[in-house]
Amino acid sequence: MSLKTNGNYFANYILQFEPKSLDKVIEAGCKYFQFSWGLPSLEIISKIRNAGAKFGIQVSSKNNAEKALELKPDFLICQGLEAGGHIQATQYNKYALPQVLEVAGEIPVLVSGGISTGEDIRAAIHIGAAGVVMGTRFITTKESNLADIYTRKLLEAGENSTVYTNCYNKDWNAMHRVLRTNTFLNWEAEGCPLIGNKPGEGDVIAKSASGSDIYRYSARRPVEGDTGDLESMCMYAGEGISKIKDIPTAAELIERLWKEFENK
């Protein structure tokens, strides 16, 4: 494994899937780890601690946070239903965050979901969060490898452009928040049938740059090099998308967010 940065970075593991690369990532010198969709095993935690690294756990409720805190994480990430992508959360952050903060004590809590501006960050800090995790805002930057059509759809999105659904569950049957694409709208029109009865199920709608088939209802998002009916592919987005209207560089975005945060 080779690194292309001298700056800070972290490894993110979804525990629905075996963390096969963990040992290699530790060997490469990663010092920060994040886990979601489950709790890391004592073996995983021991490996991280022995390497002098730190880890955090994504949580979504008081009970979830209490369980996570038994593992003595260095931080928690409170995810709300506002978030884009696959969603572990079961409630919005206005309910979840106070619950998590209540039991977290001195453990820092980051908040994730629906955050697009410096004002959003300031509001989260005001409630008691130690920081934020931003996804949708940062995939809409010049460094992102999203296909042009996906970026354009993100910029065009309004307040009711996303949906919390299990539509795109061919690869992983988990709830997610996405834009209301053609595939979703056609599936919704048919009454949201379950696997085996979905309209167009089994259709190959696009090809990856390597020539691999991309199927309708796949969880794969459209990226550079994909060809075909990209508008019908899965396009993840959080509820904060309506505040995103441009494509800055990541550096420009960070500078802007800081200025907005300070502008009380």
Protein backbone atom coordinates (compact mmCIF):
# COMPACT_ATOMS: atom_id res chain seq x y z
CA MET A 1 0.00 0.00 0.00
CA SER A 2 1.41 3.42 -0.95
CA LEU A 3 0.32 6.83 0.32
CA LYS A 4 -0.16 9.96 -1.76
CA THR A 5 -0.42 12.43 1.08
CA ASN A 6 1.73 13.76 3.88
CA GLY A 7 -1.35 15.21 5.57
CA ASN A 8 -3.91 13.75 7.92
CA TYR A 9 -6.14 10.93 6.73
CA PHE A 10 -8.21 8.16 8.22
CA ALA A 11 -9.45 4.69 7.29
CA ASN A 12 -13.19 4.06 7.27
CA TYR A 13 -14.51 0.52 7.75
CA ILE A 14 -18.13 -0.56 7.32
CA LEU A 15 -18.41 -3.61 9.56
CA GLN A 16 -21.09 -5.20 7.40
CA PHE A 17 -18.01 -6.26 5.42
CA GLU A 18 -14.83 -7.92 6.69
CA PRO A 19 -12.04 -5.32 7.18
CA LYS A 20 -9.56 -7.33 5.10
CA SER A 21 -7.15 -4.44 4.57
CA LEU A 22 -6.86 -3.48 8.25
CA ASP A 23 -3.41 -4.98 8.87
CA LYS A 24 -1.96 -3.39 5.72
CA VAL A 25 -3.46 -0.01 6.58
CA ILE A 26 -1.95 -0.17 10.06
CA GLU A 27 1.42 -1.13 8.55
CA ALA A 28 1.16 1.89 6.21
CA GLY A 29 1.03 4.14 9.26
CA CYS A 30 -2.62 5.14 9.43
CA LYS A 31 -3.29 6.70 12.84
CA TYR A 32 -7.06 7.23 12.71
CA PHE A 33 -9.83 4.69 12.11
CA GLN A 34 -13.59 5.00 11.90
CA PHE A 35 -16.10 2.15 12.17
CA SER A 36 -19.80 2.06 11.27
CA TRP A 37 -22.64 -0.45 10.89
CA GLY A 38 -21.53 -2.41 13.92
CA LEU A 39 -18.97 -2.38 16.72
CA PRO A 40 -15.30 -3.28 16.19
CA SER A 41 -14.09 -6.48 17.84
CA LEU A 42 -11.65 -6.47 20.74
CA GLU A 43 -9.06 -7.97 18.37
CA ILE A 44 -9.43 -5.04 15.96
CA ILE A 45 -9.21 -2.53 18.81
CA SER A 46 -6.10 -4.23 20.19
CA LYS A 47 -4.35 -3.99 16.81
CA ILE A 48 -5.17 -0.29 16.56
CA ARG A 49 -4.07 0.47 20.11
CA ASN A 50 -0.83 -1.49 19.73
CA ALA A 51 -0.03 0.65 16.68
CA GLY A 52 -0.52 3.84 18.69
CA ALA A 53 -3.56 4.77 16.62
CA LYS A 54 -6.97 6.14 17.57
CA PHE A 55 -10.47 5.05 16.54
CA GLY A 56 -14.03 6.31 16.50
CA ILE A 57 -17.41 4.62 16.19
CA GLN A 58 -20.47 5.86 14.33
CA VAL A 59 -23.61 5.80 16.47
CA SER A 60 -27.21 6.88 16.11
CA SER A 61 -28.85 6.79 19.54
CA LYS A 62 -28.25 6.82 23.30
CA ASN A 63 -28.30 3.02 23.55
CA ASN A 64 -25.97 2.67 20.57
CA ALA A 65 -23.59 5.24 22.08
CA GLU A 66 -23.57 3.50 25.46
CA LYS A 67 -22.58 0.21 23.83
CA ALA A 68 -19.89 1.92 21.77
CA LEU A 69 -18.48 3.70 24.82
CA GLU A 70 -17.84 0.35 26.52
CA LEU A 71 -15.07 -0.12 23.93
CA LYS A 72 -13.41 3.15 25.01
CA PRO A 73 -13.27 4.86 21.61
CA ASP A 74 -11.40 8.13 21.16
CA PHE A 75 -14.44 9.77 19.56
CA LEU A 76 -17.98 9.11 18.39
CA ILE A 77 -19.73 10.13 15.16
CA CYS A 78 -23.44 10.78 15.56
CA GLN A 79 -25.16 10.16 12.23
CA GLY A 80 -28.67 11.42 11.52
CA LEU A 81 -31.26 10.54 8.89
CA GLU A 82 -30.27 13.72 7.05
CA ALA A 83 -27.10 12.02 5.81
CA GLY A 84 -26.51 10.85 2.27
CA GLY A 85 -25.30 7.40 1.30
CA HIS A 86 -26.00 4.27 3.32
CA ILE A 87 -27.61 5.29 6.58
CA GLN A 88 -27.13 3.53 9.88
CA ALA A 89 -29.22 6.21 11.64
CA THR A 90 -32.80 5.70 12.76
CA GLN A 91 -33.64 9.30 13.70
CA TYR A 92 -32.76 12.87 12.78
CA ASN A 93 -29.87 14.56 14.53
CA LYS A 94 -32.11 17.02 16.38
CA TYR A 95 -33.19 13.95 18.38
CA ALA A 96 -30.07 11.77 18.17
CA LEU A 97 -27.33 14.28 18.97
CA PRO A 98 -28.63 15.39 22.41
CA GLN A 99 -29.01 11.71 23.37
CA VAL A 100 -25.45 10.87 22.35
CA LEU A 101 -24.01 13.97 24.01
CA GLU A 102 -25.83 13.07 27.23
CA VAL A 103 -23.85 9.85 27.65
CA ALA A 104 -20.58 10.72 25.87
CA GLY A 105 -19.09 12.70 28.75
CA GLU A 106 -15.55 13.80 27.84
CA ILE A 107 -15.49 11.74 24.63
CA PRO A 108 -15.68 14.09 21.60
CA VAL A 109 -18.77 13.68 19.44
CA LEU A 110 -18.76 14.60 15.75
CA VAL A 111 -22.06 15.04 13.95
CA SER A 112 -22.85 13.81 10.44
CA GLY A 113 -25.82 14.51 8.18
CA GLY A 114 -27.17 17.52 6.33
CA ILE A 115 -24.19 19.80 6.98
CA SER A 116 -23.18 21.99 4.03
CA THR A 117 -22.10 25.40 5.35
CA GLY A 118 -20.07 27.07 8.05
CA GLU A 119 -23.33 28.15 9.64
CA ASP A 120 -24.34 24.49 9.88
CA ILE A 121 -21.03 23.70 11.55
CA ARG A 122 -21.46 26.55 14.05
CA ALA A 123 -24.96 25.32 14.92
CA ALA A 124 -23.63 21.81 15.61
CA ILE A 125 -20.82 23.16 17.79
CA HIS A 126 -23.30 25.35 19.66
CA ILE A 127 -25.35 22.28 20.56
CA GLY A 128 -22.26 20.54 21.93
CA ALA A 129 -20.64 18.66 19.05
CA ALA A 130 -16.83 18.71 18.90
CA GLY A 131 -16.87 18.82 15.10
CA VAL A 132 -18.64 17.62 11.99
CA VAL A 133 -18.34 15.06 9.20
CA MET A 134 -19.29 16.36 5.75
CA GLY A 135 -19.89 14.07 2.79
CA THR A 136 -22.17 15.55 0.13
CA ARG A 137 -20.52 18.99 0.27
CA PHE A 138 -17.07 17.49 -0.36
CA ILE A 139 -18.08 15.16 -3.20
CA THR A 140 -19.24 18.32 -4.97
CA THR A 141 -15.72 19.69 -5.37
CA LYS A 142 -13.23 19.78 -8.23
CA GLU A 143 -11.16 16.93 -6.78
CA SER A 144 -14.14 14.56 -6.80
CA ASN A 145 -14.20 11.77 -9.38
CA LEU A 146 -17.97 11.87 -9.90
CA ALA A 147 -19.34 11.69 -13.44
CA ASP A 148 -20.39 15.10 -14.78
CA ILE A 149 -24.08 14.16 -14.83
CA TYR A 150 -23.97 13.27 -11.14
CA THR A 151 -22.32 16.57 -10.23
CA ARG A 152 -24.87 18.47 -12.34
CA LYS A 153 -27.77 16.70 -10.62
CA LEU A 154 -26.31 17.60 -7.23
CA LEU A 155 -26.12 21.26 -8.17
CA GLU A 156 -29.70 21.23 -9.51
CA ALA A 157 -31.15 19.56 -6.41
CA GLY A 158 -33.64 21.35 -4.18
CA GLU A 159 -35.06 20.80 -0.72
CA ASN A 160 -37.12 17.71 -1.64
CA SER A 161 -34.69 16.15 -4.10
CA THR A 162 -33.49 13.31 -1.89
CA VAL A 163 -35.27 10.24 -0.59
CA TYR A 164 -34.56 7.76 2.22
CA THR A 165 -35.12 4.38 0.62
CA ASN A 166 -33.95 0.82 0.00
CA CYS A 167 -34.37 1.11 -3.77
CA TYR A 168 -30.71 0.52 -4.69
CA ASN A 169 -30.23 -2.72 -2.78
CA LYS A 170 -28.91 -5.16 -5.37
CA ASP A 171 -25.43 -5.21 -3.80
CA TRP A 172 -26.27 -4.40 -0.19
CA ASN A 173 -29.78 -4.42 1.28
CA ALA A 174 -29.35 -1.38 3.52
CA MET A 175 -31.26 1.88 3.71
CA HIS A 176 -29.75 4.87 1.93
CA ARG A 177 -30.45 8.49 0.95
CA VAL A 178 -30.19 9.28 -2.76
CA LEU A 179 -31.44 11.70 -5.39
CA ARG A 180 -34.80 10.85 -6.98
CA THR A 181 -33.35 9.34 -10.15
CA ASN A 182 -35.22 7.72 -13.06
CA THR A 183 -34.75 4.28 -11.57
CA PHE A 184 -36.22 5.37 -8.24
CA LEU A 185 -39.18 7.19 -9.83
CA ASN A 186 -40.10 4.18 -12.00
CA TRP A 187 -39.77 1.82 -9.04
CA GLU A 188 -41.88 4.15 -6.87
CA ALA A 189 -44.54 4.37 -9.61
CA GLU A 190 -44.87 0.56 -9.49
CA GLY A 191 -45.49 0.65 -5.74
CA CYS A 192 -41.92 0.05 -4.53
CA PRO A 193 -41.95 -3.73 -5.10
CA LEU A 194 -39.40 -5.91 -3.35
CA ILE A 195 -36.45 -7.77 -4.85
CA GLY A 196 -37.63 -10.15 -7.54
CA ASN A 197 -40.46 -7.89 -8.70
CA LYS A 198 -38.71 -4.60 -9.46
CA PRO A 199 -39.25 -3.03 -12.89
CA GLY A 200 -36.17 -3.45 -15.07
CA GLU A 201 -34.49 -5.70 -12.54
CA GLY A 202 -31.51 -7.38 -14.16
CA ASP A 203 -31.03 -4.61 -16.77
CA VAL A 204 -27.45 -3.65 -17.55
CA ILE A 205 -27.72 0.16 -17.70
CA ALA A 206 -24.07 1.21 -17.87
CA LYS A 207 -20.46 0.13 -18.15
CA SER A 208 -17.52 1.02 -15.95
CA ALA A 209 -14.26 2.30 -17.40
CA SER A 210 -12.87 -1.24 -17.11
CA GLY A 211 -15.84 -2.64 -19.07
CA SER A 212 -17.71 -4.18 -16.14
CA ASP A 213 -21.51 -4.28 -16.28
CA ILE A 214 -23.42 -1.93 -14.00
CA TYR A 215 -26.90 -3.18 -13.19
CA ARG A 216 -30.06 -1.27 -12.38
CA TYR A 217 -30.54 -1.06 -8.60
CA SER A 218 -26.79 -1.43 -8.03
CA ALA A 219 -25.43 0.65 -5.15
CA ARG A 220 -22.62 1.90 -7.38
CA ARG A 221 -22.54 5.64 -8.03
CA PRO A 222 -21.56 7.08 -11.47
CA VAL A 223 -17.91 8.12 -11.65
CA GLU A 224 -15.55 9.36 -14.35
CA GLY A 225 -15.15 6.80 -17.12
CA ASP A 226 -18.58 5.21 -16.73
CA THR A 227 -20.76 5.13 -19.86
CA GLY A 228 -24.42 4.42 -20.52
CA ASP A 229 -27.59 5.51 -18.75
CA LEU A 230 -25.80 7.21 -15.87
CA GLU A 231 -28.91 9.21 -14.89
CA SER A 232 -30.53 5.95 -13.77
CA MET A 233 -27.65 4.98 -11.51
CA CYS A 234 -27.55 5.51 -7.76
CA MET A 235 -26.71 9.11 -6.81
CA TYR A 236 -26.12 9.56 -3.09
CA ALA A 237 -26.91 12.92 -1.49
CA GLY A 238 -27.76 14.25 1.94
CA GLU A 239 -30.56 16.65 2.88
CA GLY A 240 -28.14 19.58 2.93
CA ILE A 241 -27.85 19.39 -0.86
CA SER A 242 -30.14 22.38 -1.51
CA LYS A 243 -27.44 24.68 -0.05
CA ILE A 244 -24.79 23.48 -2.52
CA LYS A 245 -24.65 25.62 -5.66
CA ASP A 246 -21.04 25.52 -6.89
CA ILE A 247 -17.98 23.32 -7.37
CA PRO A 248 -14.98 24.82 -5.55
CA THR A 249 -11.68 23.09 -4.90
CA ALA A 250 -11.46 21.35 -1.55
CA ALA A 251 -9.03 24.02 -0.33
CA GLU A 252 -11.37 26.83 -1.40
CA LEU A 253 -14.27 25.09 0.31
CA ILE A 254 -12.40 24.69 3.60
CA GLU A 255 -11.44 28.36 3.56
CA ARG A 256 -15.04 29.37 2.86
CA LEU A 257 -16.45 27.10 5.57
CA TRP A 258 -14.06 28.61 8.11
CA LYS A 259 -15.07 32.15 7.16
CA GLU A 260 -18.77 31.26 7.37
CA PHE A 261 -18.16 29.59 10.72
CA GLU A 262 -16.47 32.69 12.12
CA ASN A 263 -19.06 35.10 10.71
CA LYS A 264 -21.29 35.21 13.78
